[in-house]
């Protein structure tokens, strides 16, 4: 990872996620962009305000946010060993998704980082609406860090795979590269439907031995059990430091979190989630 985007509303959750990411990538040479969005009270966006010529209004509107970002970066530099990281504060007068997409495209962002606050209501999926929207709309990896989760080494990574996930997919290469650089052990959970071991599952061990070497892995085949139940049980019985997920569509994302009968994994998820959209 070289270019990282962190989103902040200056809440404890978002600041904790930034600190987590800085510890995770400690020692790497990074360009670390921190974005705060001042959501418009009207229909005007950043570009429209500037185009109108009312630059003084724009500067005044965002001055407090700029000052807060500068203070946050100063605090991070004072308390963390981050000499190899260059910070780039960004304030946008825009909605979150549009602003994030613009920063990602303009600066070749490889990973976005967000804090999470748990379920917002009985029907909402995990993490709060902003993180859900990001995962649904952004086509690059997203790291979601639960509130109060402090960084620890990635000794145990859980990687659940649907029956149709192919280890040859281009998105899986990004997962492999991340694991080989930052992980110690990977628990691969292949979900097979209707008591059938798919052809993908039959080929997994051979492919994983080639792709993940020298990283150790344990391979688990689970038949006819919803993915959310599998992950929920696994993180309760193993000391998991990170969950990685390859997401191919909004429907699959929703299936992972809501399941057919329970939202327990959404309610109880207490470890970071790294999503690789495809």
C-alpha atoms as a PDB file:
ATOM      1  CA  UNK A   1       0.000   0.000   0.000  1.00  0.00           C
ATOM      2  CA  UNK A   2       1.320   3.428  -0.967  1.00  0.00           C
ATOM      3  CA  UNK A   3      -1.628   5.824  -1.086  1.00  0.00           C
ATOM      4  CA  UNK A   4      -4.235   5.552   1.658  1.00  0.00           C
ATOM      5  CA  UNK A   5      -7.397   7.551   2.277  1.00  0.00           C
ATOM      6  CA  UNK A   6      -8.849   7.886   5.784  1.00  0.00           C
ATOM      7  CA  UNK A   7     -12.292   9.377   6.312  1.00  0.00           C
ATOM      8  CA  UNK A   8     -12.969  11.321   9.483  1.00  0.00           C
ATOM      9  CA  UNK A   9     -15.792  13.213  11.156  1.00  0.00           C
ATOM     10  CA  UNK A  10     -13.449  13.762  14.152  1.00  0.00           C
ATOM     11  CA  UNK A  11     -15.365  11.164  16.169  1.00  0.00           C
ATOM     12  CA  UNK A  12     -13.436   8.775  18.454  1.00  0.00           C
ATOM     13  CA  UNK A  13     -14.312   5.948  16.074  1.00  0.00           C
ATOM     14  CA  UNK A  14     -12.822   7.609  12.998  1.00  0.00           C
ATOM     15  CA  UNK A  15      -9.689   8.731  14.848  1.00  0.00           C
ATOM     16  CA  UNK A  16      -9.221   5.213  16.246  1.00  0.00           C
ATOM     17  CA  UNK A  17      -9.414   3.840  12.681  1.00  0.00           C
ATOM     18  CA  UNK A  18      -6.735   6.284  11.527  1.00  0.00           C
ATOM     19  CA  UNK A  19      -4.431   5.252  14.370  1.00  0.00           C
ATOM     20  CA  UNK A  20      -5.091   1.586  13.601  1.00  0.00           C
ATOM     21  CA  UNK A  21      -4.131   2.071   9.946  1.00  0.00           C
ATOM     22  CA  UNK A  22      -0.972   3.981  10.850  1.00  0.00           C
ATOM     23  CA  UNK A  23       0.121   1.153  13.157  1.00  0.00           C
ATOM     24  CA  UNK A  24      -0.762  -1.493  10.573  1.00  0.00           C
ATOM     25  CA  UNK A  25       1.356   0.176   7.901  1.00  0.00           C
ATOM     26  CA  UNK A  26       4.067   1.378  10.280  1.00  0.00           C
ATOM     27  CA  UNK A  27       7.423   1.442   8.511  1.00  0.00           C
ATOM     28  CA  UNK A  28       5.890   1.729   5.041  1.00  0.00           C
ATOM     29  CA  UNK A  29       6.446   4.858   2.989  1.00  0.00           C
ATOM     30  CA  UNK A  30       2.934   6.255   2.608  1.00  0.00           C
ATOM     31  CA  UNK A  31       0.970   9.187   1.315  1.00  0.00           C
ATOM     32  CA  UNK A  32      -1.839   9.380   3.868  1.00  0.00           C
ATOM     33  CA  UNK A  33      -4.841  11.470   2.827  1.00  0.00           C
ATOM     34  CA  UNK A  34      -7.341  12.441   5.537  1.00  0.00           C
ATOM     35  CA  UNK A  35     -10.712  13.573   4.226  1.00  0.00           C
ATOM     36  CA  UNK A  36     -13.404  15.417   6.145  1.00  0.00           C
ATOM     37  CA  UNK A  37     -16.691  16.180   4.411  1.00  0.00           C
ATOM     38  CA  UNK A  38     -18.773  19.187   5.267  1.00  0.00           C
ATOM     39  CA  UNK A  39     -22.093  17.934   3.998  1.00  0.00           C
ATOM     40  CA  UNK A  40     -23.900  20.746   2.117  1.00  0.00           C
ATOM     41  CA  UNK A  41     -26.970  22.204   3.769  1.00  0.00           C
ATOM     42  CA  UNK A  42     -28.209  23.064   0.297  1.00  0.00           C
ATOM     43  CA  UNK A  43     -27.736  21.545  -3.128  1.00  0.00           C
ATOM     44  CA  UNK A  44     -24.382  23.265  -3.692  1.00  0.00           C
ATOM     45  CA  UNK A  45     -21.244  21.155  -4.009  1.00  0.00           C
ATOM     46  CA  UNK A  46     -17.612  22.220  -3.615  1.00  0.00           C
ATOM     47  CA  UNK A  47     -17.206  22.772  -7.338  1.00  0.00           C
ATOM     48  CA  UNK A  48     -20.398  24.806  -7.580  1.00  0.00           C
ATOM     49  CA  UNK A  49     -19.498  27.065  -4.647  1.00  0.00           C
ATOM     50  CA  UNK A  50     -16.071  27.818  -6.111  1.00  0.00           C
ATOM     51  CA  UNK A  51     -17.472  28.281  -9.620  1.00  0.00           C
ATOM     52  CA  UNK A  52     -19.907  30.876  -8.287  1.00  0.00           C
ATOM     53  CA  UNK A  53     -16.949  33.097  -7.343  1.00  0.00           C
ATOM     54  CA  UNK A  54     -17.899  33.148  -3.669  1.00  0.00           C
ATOM     55  CA  UNK A  55     -14.500  31.870  -2.532  1.00  0.00           C
ATOM     56  CA  UNK A  56     -14.573  33.822   0.747  1.00  0.00           C
ATOM     57  CA  UNK A  57     -17.791  32.038   1.717  1.00  0.00           C
ATOM     58  CA  UNK A  58     -16.182  28.718   0.850  1.00  0.00           C
ATOM     59  CA  UNK A  59     -13.034  29.429   2.876  1.00  0.00           C
ATOM     60  CA  UNK A  60     -15.034  30.639   5.862  1.00  0.00           C
ATOM     61  CA  UNK A  61     -17.309  27.620   5.727  1.00  0.00           C
ATOM     62  CA  UNK A  62     -14.444  25.132   5.802  1.00  0.00           C
ATOM     63  CA  UNK A  63     -11.947  26.964   8.034  1.00  0.00           C
ATOM     64  CA  UNK A  64     -12.971  25.199  11.240  1.00  0.00           C
ATOM     65  CA  UNK A  65     -12.705  21.793   9.584  1.00  0.00           C
ATOM     66  CA  UNK A  66      -9.290  22.669   8.144  1.00  0.00           C
ATOM     67  CA  UNK A  67      -8.058  23.767  11.559  1.00  0.00           C
ATOM     68  CA  UNK A  68      -9.364  20.562  13.122  1.00  0.00           C
ATOM     69  CA  UNK A  69      -7.605  18.449  10.500  1.00  0.00           C
ATOM     70  CA  UNK A  70      -4.334  20.280  11.070  1.00  0.00           C
ATOM     71  CA  UNK A  71      -4.679  19.732  14.819  1.00  0.00           C
ATOM     72  CA  UNK A  72      -5.395  16.026  14.291  1.00  0.00           C
ATOM     73  CA  UNK A  73      -2.335  15.565  12.093  1.00  0.00           C
ATOM     74  CA  UNK A  74      -0.176  17.445  14.591  1.00  0.00           C
ATOM     75  CA  UNK A  75      -1.396  15.121  17.357  1.00  0.00           C
ATOM     76  CA  UNK A  76      -0.704  12.015  15.254  1.00  0.00           C
ATOM     77  CA  UNK A  77       2.838  13.156  14.512  1.00  0.00           C
ATOM     78  CA  UNK A  78       3.475  13.881  18.192  1.00  0.00           C
ATOM     79  CA  UNK A  79       2.256  10.512  19.460  1.00  0.00           C
ATOM     80  CA  UNK A  80       3.148   8.014  16.723  1.00  0.00           C
ATOM     81  CA  UNK A  81       6.379   7.045  14.998  1.00  0.00           C
ATOM     82  CA  UNK A  82       5.402   7.952  11.442  1.00  0.00           C
ATOM     83  CA  UNK A  83       8.444   9.594   9.888  1.00  0.00           C
ATOM     84  CA  UNK A  84       7.921   7.737   6.602  1.00  0.00           C
ATOM     85  CA  UNK A  85       4.364   9.027   6.171  1.00  0.00           C
ATOM     86  CA  UNK A  86       3.364  12.255   4.439  1.00  0.00           C
ATOM     87  CA  UNK A  87      -0.043  13.643   5.421  1.00  0.00           C
ATOM     88  CA  UNK A  88      -2.460  15.400   3.104  1.00  0.00           C
ATOM     89  CA  UNK A  89      -5.512  16.988   4.781  1.00  0.00           C
ATOM     90  CA  UNK A  90      -8.554  17.463   2.543  1.00  0.00           C
ATOM     91  CA  UNK A  91     -11.820  19.211   3.333  1.00  0.00           C
ATOM     92  CA  UNK A  92     -14.725  18.894   0.908  1.00  0.00           C
ATOM     93  CA  UNK A  93     -18.071  20.638   0.831  1.00  0.00           C
ATOM     94  CA  UNK A  94     -19.815  17.646  -0.681  1.00  0.00           C
ATOM     95  CA  UNK A  95     -21.465  14.319   0.118  1.00  0.00           C
ATOM     96  CA  UNK A  96     -19.190  11.566   1.368  1.00  0.00           C
ATOM     97  CA  UNK A  97     -19.326   9.171  -1.575  1.00  0.00           C
ATOM     98  CA  UNK A  98     -18.725  11.797  -4.267  1.00  0.00           C
ATOM     99  CA  UNK A  99     -15.889  13.389  -2.303  1.00  0.00           C
ATOM    100  CA  UNK A 100     -14.233  10.044  -1.567  1.00  0.00           C
ATOM    101  CA  UNK A 101     -14.516   8.905  -5.183  1.00  0.00           C
ATOM    102  CA  UNK A 102     -12.888  12.135  -6.348  1.00  0.00           C
ATOM    103  CA  UNK A 103      -9.961  11.793  -3.917  1.00  0.00           C
ATOM    104  CA  UNK A 104      -9.509   8.114  -4.798  1.00  0.00           C
ATOM    105  CA  UNK A 105      -9.408   8.825  -8.518  1.00  0.00           C
ATOM    106  CA  UNK A 106      -7.227  11.930  -8.294  1.00  0.00           C
ATOM    107  CA  UNK A 107      -4.610  10.433  -5.958  1.00  0.00           C
ATOM    108  CA  UNK A 108      -4.532   6.767  -7.026  1.00  0.00           C
ATOM    109  CA  UNK A 109      -5.787   5.641  -3.611  1.00  0.00           C
ATOM    110  CA  UNK A 110      -5.262   1.931  -2.957  1.00  0.00           C
ATOM    111  CA  UNK A 111      -7.173   1.617   0.319  1.00  0.00           C
ATOM    112  CA  UNK A 112      -9.823   3.604   2.177  1.00  0.00           C
ATOM    113  CA  UNK A 113     -10.071   3.454   5.978  1.00  0.00           C
ATOM    114  CA  UNK A 114     -13.179   4.116   8.061  1.00  0.00           C
ATOM    115  CA  UNK A 115     -14.218   3.828  11.669  1.00  0.00           C
ATOM    116  CA  UNK A 116     -17.354   1.903  12.542  1.00  0.00           C
ATOM    117  CA  UNK A 117     -19.938   2.321  15.272  1.00  0.00           C
ATOM    118  CA  UNK A 118     -22.013  -0.842  15.216  1.00  0.00           C
ATOM    119  CA  UNK A 119     -25.573  -1.334  14.081  1.00  0.00           C
ATOM    120  CA  UNK A 120     -27.632   1.832  13.777  1.00  0.00           C
ATOM    121  CA  UNK A 121     -31.027   0.157  14.114  1.00  0.00           C
ATOM    122  CA  UNK A 122     -32.670  -3.238  13.918  1.00  0.00           C
ATOM    123  CA  UNK A 123     -32.877  -3.209  10.114  1.00  0.00           C
ATOM    124  CA  UNK A 124     -29.604  -1.460   9.261  1.00  0.00           C
ATOM    125  CA  UNK A 125     -26.624  -3.542   8.273  1.00  0.00           C
ATOM    126  CA  UNK A 126     -23.401  -3.210  10.252  1.00  0.00           C
ATOM    127  CA  UNK A 127     -21.184  -0.271  10.938  1.00  0.00           C
ATOM    128  CA  UNK A 128     -23.526   2.608  10.245  1.00  0.00           C
ATOM    129  CA  UNK A 129     -24.836   3.885   6.961  1.00  0.00           C
ATOM    130  CA  UNK A 130     -21.692   5.707   5.759  1.00  0.00           C
ATOM    131  CA  UNK A 131     -19.484   2.630   5.814  1.00  0.00           C
ATOM    132  CA  UNK A 132     -22.176   0.544   4.181  1.00  0.00           C
ATOM    133  CA  UNK A 133     -22.543   3.130   1.412  1.00  0.00           C
ATOM    134  CA  UNK A 134     -18.791   3.194   0.854  1.00  0.00           C
ATOM    135  CA  UNK A 135     -18.580  -0.583   0.513  1.00  0.00           C
ATOM    136  CA  UNK A 136     -21.512  -0.605  -1.881  1.00  0.00           C
ATOM    137  CA  UNK A 137     -20.213   2.176  -4.134  1.00  0.00           C
ATOM    138  CA  UNK A 138     -16.403   2.309  -3.961  1.00  0.00           C
ATOM    139  CA  UNK A 139     -14.576  -0.089  -6.249  1.00  0.00           C
ATOM    140  CA  UNK A 140     -11.327  -0.212  -4.257  1.00  0.00           C
ATOM    141  CA  UNK A 141     -10.446  -1.988  -0.974  1.00  0.00           C
ATOM    142  CA  UNK A 142     -11.991  -0.614   2.221  1.00  0.00           C
ATOM    143  CA  UNK A 143     -10.831  -1.256   5.785  1.00  0.00           C
ATOM    144  CA  UNK A 144     -13.537  -0.844   8.431  1.00  0.00           C
ATOM    145  CA  UNK A 145     -12.293  -0.706  12.035  1.00  0.00           C
ATOM    146  CA  UNK A 146     -14.791  -1.193  14.886  1.00  0.00           C
ATOM    147  CA  UNK A 147     -14.994   1.363  17.658  1.00  0.00           C
ATOM    148  CA  UNK A 148     -12.363   0.891  20.390  1.00  0.00           C
ATOM    149  CA  UNK A 149     -10.543  -1.925  18.536  1.00  0.00           C
ATOM    150  CA  UNK A 150      -6.830  -1.353  19.147  1.00  0.00           C
ATOM    151  CA  UNK A 151      -4.201  -2.509  16.697  1.00  0.00           C
ATOM    152  CA  UNK A 152      -2.622  -5.911  17.137  1.00  0.00           C
ATOM    153  CA  UNK A 153      -0.470  -7.945  14.795  1.00  0.00           C
ATOM    154  CA  UNK A 154      -2.362  -9.947  12.167  1.00  0.00           C
ATOM    155  CA  UNK A 155      -1.506 -13.352  13.574  1.00  0.00           C
ATOM    156  CA  UNK A 156      -4.851 -14.852  12.520  1.00  0.00           C
ATOM    157  CA  UNK A 157      -6.773 -13.695   9.454  1.00  0.00           C
ATOM    158  CA  UNK A 158     -10.142 -15.201   8.556  1.00  0.00           C
ATOM    159  CA  UNK A 159     -10.871 -15.411   4.832  1.00  0.00           C
ATOM    160  CA  UNK A 160     -14.392 -16.717   4.069  1.00  0.00           C
ATOM    161  CA  UNK A 161     -15.049 -17.795   0.490  1.00  0.00           C
ATOM    162  CA  UNK A 162     -18.397 -18.340  -1.191  1.00  0.00           C
ATOM    163  CA  UNK A 163     -18.790 -21.452  -3.309  1.00  0.00           C
ATOM    164  CA  UNK A 164     -18.434 -19.346  -6.481  1.00  0.00           C
ATOM    165  CA  UNK A 165     -15.346 -17.349  -5.395  1.00  0.00           C
ATOM    166  CA  UNK A 166     -12.425 -18.153  -7.666  1.00  0.00           C
ATOM    167  CA  UNK A 167      -8.883 -17.865  -6.352  1.00  0.00           C
ATOM    168  CA  UNK A 168      -7.797 -16.919  -9.861  1.00  0.00           C
ATOM    169  CA  UNK A 169      -9.848 -13.690  -9.816  1.00  0.00           C
ATOM    170  CA  UNK A 170      -7.821 -10.497 -10.133  1.00  0.00           C
ATOM    171  CA  UNK A 171      -9.307  -9.173  -6.883  1.00  0.00           C
ATOM    172  CA  UNK A 172      -7.997 -12.206  -5.038  1.00  0.00           C
ATOM    173  CA  UNK A 173      -4.471 -11.228  -6.066  1.00  0.00           C
ATOM    174  CA  UNK A 174      -4.869  -8.075  -3.972  1.00  0.00           C
ATOM    175  CA  UNK A 175      -5.900 -10.213  -0.998  1.00  0.00           C
ATOM    176  CA  UNK A 176      -2.881 -12.462  -1.459  1.00  0.00           C
ATOM    177  CA  UNK A 177      -0.482  -9.522  -1.713  1.00  0.00           C
ATOM    178  CA  UNK A 178      -1.864  -8.031   1.509  1.00  0.00           C
ATOM    179  CA  UNK A 179      -1.687 -11.338   3.402  1.00  0.00           C
ATOM    180  CA  UNK A 180       1.877 -12.034   2.325  1.00  0.00           C
ATOM    181  CA  UNK A 181       3.005  -8.598   3.451  1.00  0.00           C
ATOM    182  CA  UNK A 182       1.122  -8.241   6.732  1.00  0.00           C
ATOM    183  CA  UNK A 183      -0.299 -11.627   7.800  1.00  0.00           C
ATOM    184  CA  UNK A 184       1.095 -14.534   9.804  1.00  0.00           C
ATOM    185  CA  UNK A 185      -1.651 -17.163   9.525  1.00  0.00           C
ATOM    186  CA  UNK A 186      -4.765 -17.380   7.339  1.00  0.00           C
ATOM    187  CA  UNK A 187      -7.866 -19.443   8.043  1.00  0.00           C
ATOM    188  CA  UNK A 188      -9.621 -20.038   4.721  1.00  0.00           C
ATOM    189  CA  UNK A 189     -13.305 -20.884   5.149  1.00  0.00           C
ATOM    190  CA  UNK A 190     -14.778 -22.311   1.943  1.00  0.00           C
ATOM    191  CA  UNK A 191     -18.585 -22.444   2.056  1.00  0.00           C
ATOM    192  CA  UNK A 192     -20.095 -25.216  -0.092  1.00  0.00           C
ATOM    193  CA  UNK A 193     -23.860 -25.526  -0.657  1.00  0.00           C
ATOM    194  CA  UNK A 194     -26.119 -28.546  -0.326  1.00  0.00           C
ATOM    195  CA  UNK A 195     -23.501 -30.999   0.947  1.00  0.00           C
ATOM    196  CA  UNK A 196     -21.582 -30.638  -2.325  1.00  0.00           C
ATOM    197  CA  UNK A 197     -17.843 -29.969  -2.522  1.00  0.00           C
ATOM    198  CA  UNK A 198     -17.448 -27.752  -5.572  1.00  0.00           C
ATOM    199  CA  UNK A 199     -14.664 -27.989  -8.128  1.00  0.00           C
ATOM    200  CA  UNK A 200     -13.281 -24.719  -6.794  1.00  0.00           C
ATOM    201  CA  UNK A 201     -13.002 -26.244  -3.326  1.00  0.00           C
ATOM    202  CA  UNK A 202     -11.238 -29.313  -4.705  1.00  0.00           C
ATOM    203  CA  UNK A 203      -8.576 -27.102  -6.272  1.00  0.00           C
ATOM    204  CA  UNK A 204      -8.179 -24.692  -3.337  1.00  0.00           C
ATOM    205  CA  UNK A 205      -5.415 -26.338  -1.321  1.00  0.00           C
ATOM    206  CA  UNK A 206      -3.124 -26.737  -4.314  1.00  0.00           C
ATOM    207  CA  UNK A 207      -3.705 -23.159  -5.446  1.00  0.00           C
ATOM    208  CA  UNK A 208      -3.317 -21.734  -1.936  1.00  0.00           C
ATOM    209  CA  UNK A 209      -0.031 -23.596  -1.394  1.00  0.00           C
ATOM    210  CA  UNK A 210       1.290 -21.845  -4.473  1.00  0.00           C
ATOM    211  CA  UNK A 211      -0.211 -18.388  -3.920  1.00  0.00           C
ATOM    212  CA  UNK A 212       0.290 -17.929  -0.172  1.00  0.00           C
ATOM    213  CA  UNK A 213       3.748 -19.434   0.302  1.00  0.00           C
ATOM    214  CA  UNK A 214       5.495 -18.841   2.681  1.00  0.00           C
ATOM    215  CA  UNK A 215       2.463 -17.713   4.730  1.00  0.00           C
ATOM    216  CA  UNK A 216       0.869 -20.553   6.692  1.00  0.00           C
ATOM    217  CA  UNK A 217      -2.806 -21.329   6.256  1.00  0.00           C
ATOM    218  CA  UNK A 218      -5.498 -23.627   7.584  1.00  0.00           C
ATOM    219  CA  UNK A 219      -8.200 -24.708   5.181  1.00  0.00           C
ATOM    220  CA  UNK A 220     -11.762 -25.393   6.302  1.00  0.00           C
ATOM    221  CA  UNK A 221     -14.664 -26.649   4.191  1.00  0.00           C
ATOM    222  CA  UNK A 222     -18.120 -25.939   5.579  1.00  0.00           C
ATOM    223  CA  UNK A 223     -21.153 -27.399   3.887  1.00  0.00           C
ATOM    224  CA  UNK A 224     -24.645 -25.992   3.671  1.00  0.00           C
ATOM    225  CA  UNK A 225     -24.241 -23.328   6.379  1.00  0.00           C
ATOM    226  CA  UNK A 226     -24.856 -19.595   5.722  1.00  0.00           C
ATOM    227  CA  UNK A 227     -21.668 -17.593   5.534  1.00  0.00           C
ATOM    228  CA  UNK A 228     -22.633 -15.193   8.297  1.00  0.00           C
ATOM    229  CA  UNK A 229     -23.164 -18.107  10.708  1.00  0.00           C
ATOM    230  CA  UNK A 230     -19.805 -19.625   9.790  1.00  0.00           C
ATOM    231  CA  UNK A 231     -17.906 -16.389  10.366  1.00  0.00           C
ATOM    232  CA  UNK A 232     -19.804 -15.646  13.568  1.00  0.00           C
ATOM    233  CA  UNK A 233     -18.946 -19.047  15.054  1.00  0.00           C
ATOM    234  CA  UNK A 234     -15.360 -18.894  13.862  1.00  0.00           C
ATOM    235  CA  UNK A 235     -14.538 -15.535  15.439  1.00  0.00           C
ATOM    236  CA  UNK A 236     -16.058 -16.756  18.707  1.00  0.00           C
ATOM    237  CA  UNK A 237     -13.830 -19.846  18.787  1.00  0.00           C
ATOM    238  CA  UNK A 238     -10.624 -18.401  17.339  1.00  0.00           C
ATOM    239  CA  UNK A 239      -8.549 -15.346  18.189  1.00  0.00           C
ATOM    240  CA  UNK A 240      -9.178 -13.578  14.872  1.00  0.00           C
ATOM    241  CA  UNK A 241      -7.400 -10.268  14.220  1.00  0.00           C
ATOM    242  CA  UNK A 242      -8.922  -9.423  10.824  1.00  0.00           C
ATOM    243  CA  UNK A 243     -11.654 -10.636   8.486  1.00  0.00           C
ATOM    244  CA  UNK A 244     -11.053 -10.314   4.756  1.00  0.00           C
ATOM    245  CA  UNK A 245     -13.908 -10.522   2.285  1.00  0.00           C
ATOM    246  CA  UNK A 246     -14.113 -10.619  -1.498  1.00  0.00           C
ATOM    247  CA  UNK A 247     -17.360  -8.890  -2.459  1.00  0.00           C
ATOM    248  CA  UNK A 248     -18.741  -9.189  -5.972  1.00  0.00           C
ATOM    249  CA  UNK A 249     -22.099  -7.488  -5.683  1.00  0.00           C
ATOM    250  CA  UNK A 250     -24.387  -5.598  -3.347  1.00  0.00           C
ATOM    251  CA  UNK A 251     -26.575  -8.671  -2.906  1.00  0.00           C
ATOM    252  CA  UNK A 252     -23.632 -10.777  -1.750  1.00  0.00           C
ATOM    253  CA  UNK A 253     -22.547  -8.056   0.657  1.00  0.00           C
ATOM    254  CA  UNK A 254     -26.023  -7.952   2.153  1.00  0.00           C
ATOM    255  CA  UNK A 255     -26.179 -11.748   2.372  1.00  0.00           C
ATOM    256  CA  UNK A 256     -22.929 -11.795   4.324  1.00  0.00           C
ATOM    257  CA  UNK A 257     -24.185  -9.379   6.938  1.00  0.00           C
ATOM    258  CA  UNK A 258     -27.902 -10.027   7.174  1.00  0.00           C
ATOM    259  CA  UNK A 259     -28.118 -13.736   6.422  1.00  0.00           C
ATOM    260  CA  UNK A 260     -31.401 -15.581   6.093  1.00  0.00           C
ATOM    261  CA  UNK A 261     -32.322 -15.695   9.752  1.00  0.00           C
ATOM    262  CA  UNK A 262     -30.028 -13.573  11.887  1.00  0.00           C
ATOM    263  CA  UNK A 263     -27.969 -10.390  12.023  1.00  0.00           C
ATOM    264  CA  UNK A 264     -25.803 -11.684  14.847  1.00  0.00           C
ATOM    265  CA  UNK A 265     -22.554 -11.370  12.946  1.00  0.00           C
ATOM    266  CA  UNK A 266     -23.396  -7.746  12.213  1.00  0.00           C
ATOM    267  CA  UNK A 267     -24.273  -6.978  15.800  1.00  0.00           C
ATOM    268  CA  UNK A 268     -21.336  -8.781  17.366  1.00  0.00           C
ATOM    269  CA  UNK A 269     -18.521  -8.129  14.885  1.00  0.00           C
ATOM    270  CA  UNK A 270     -15.658  -6.725  16.930  1.00  0.00           C
ATOM    271  CA  UNK A 271     -12.650  -7.155  14.636  1.00  0.00           C
ATOM    272  CA  UNK A 272     -11.657  -5.110  11.580  1.00  0.00           C
ATOM    273  CA  UNK A 273     -13.039  -6.041   8.180  1.00  0.00           C
ATOM    274  CA  UNK A 274     -11.045  -5.585   4.963  1.00  0.00           C
ATOM    275  CA  UNK A 275     -13.291  -5.687   1.894  1.00  0.00           C
ATOM    276  CA  UNK A 276     -11.933  -6.231  -1.601  1.00  0.00           C
ATOM    277  CA  UNK A 277     -14.685  -5.358  -4.125  1.00  0.00           C
ATOM    278  CA  UNK A 278     -14.687  -7.116  -7.459  1.00  0.00           C
END
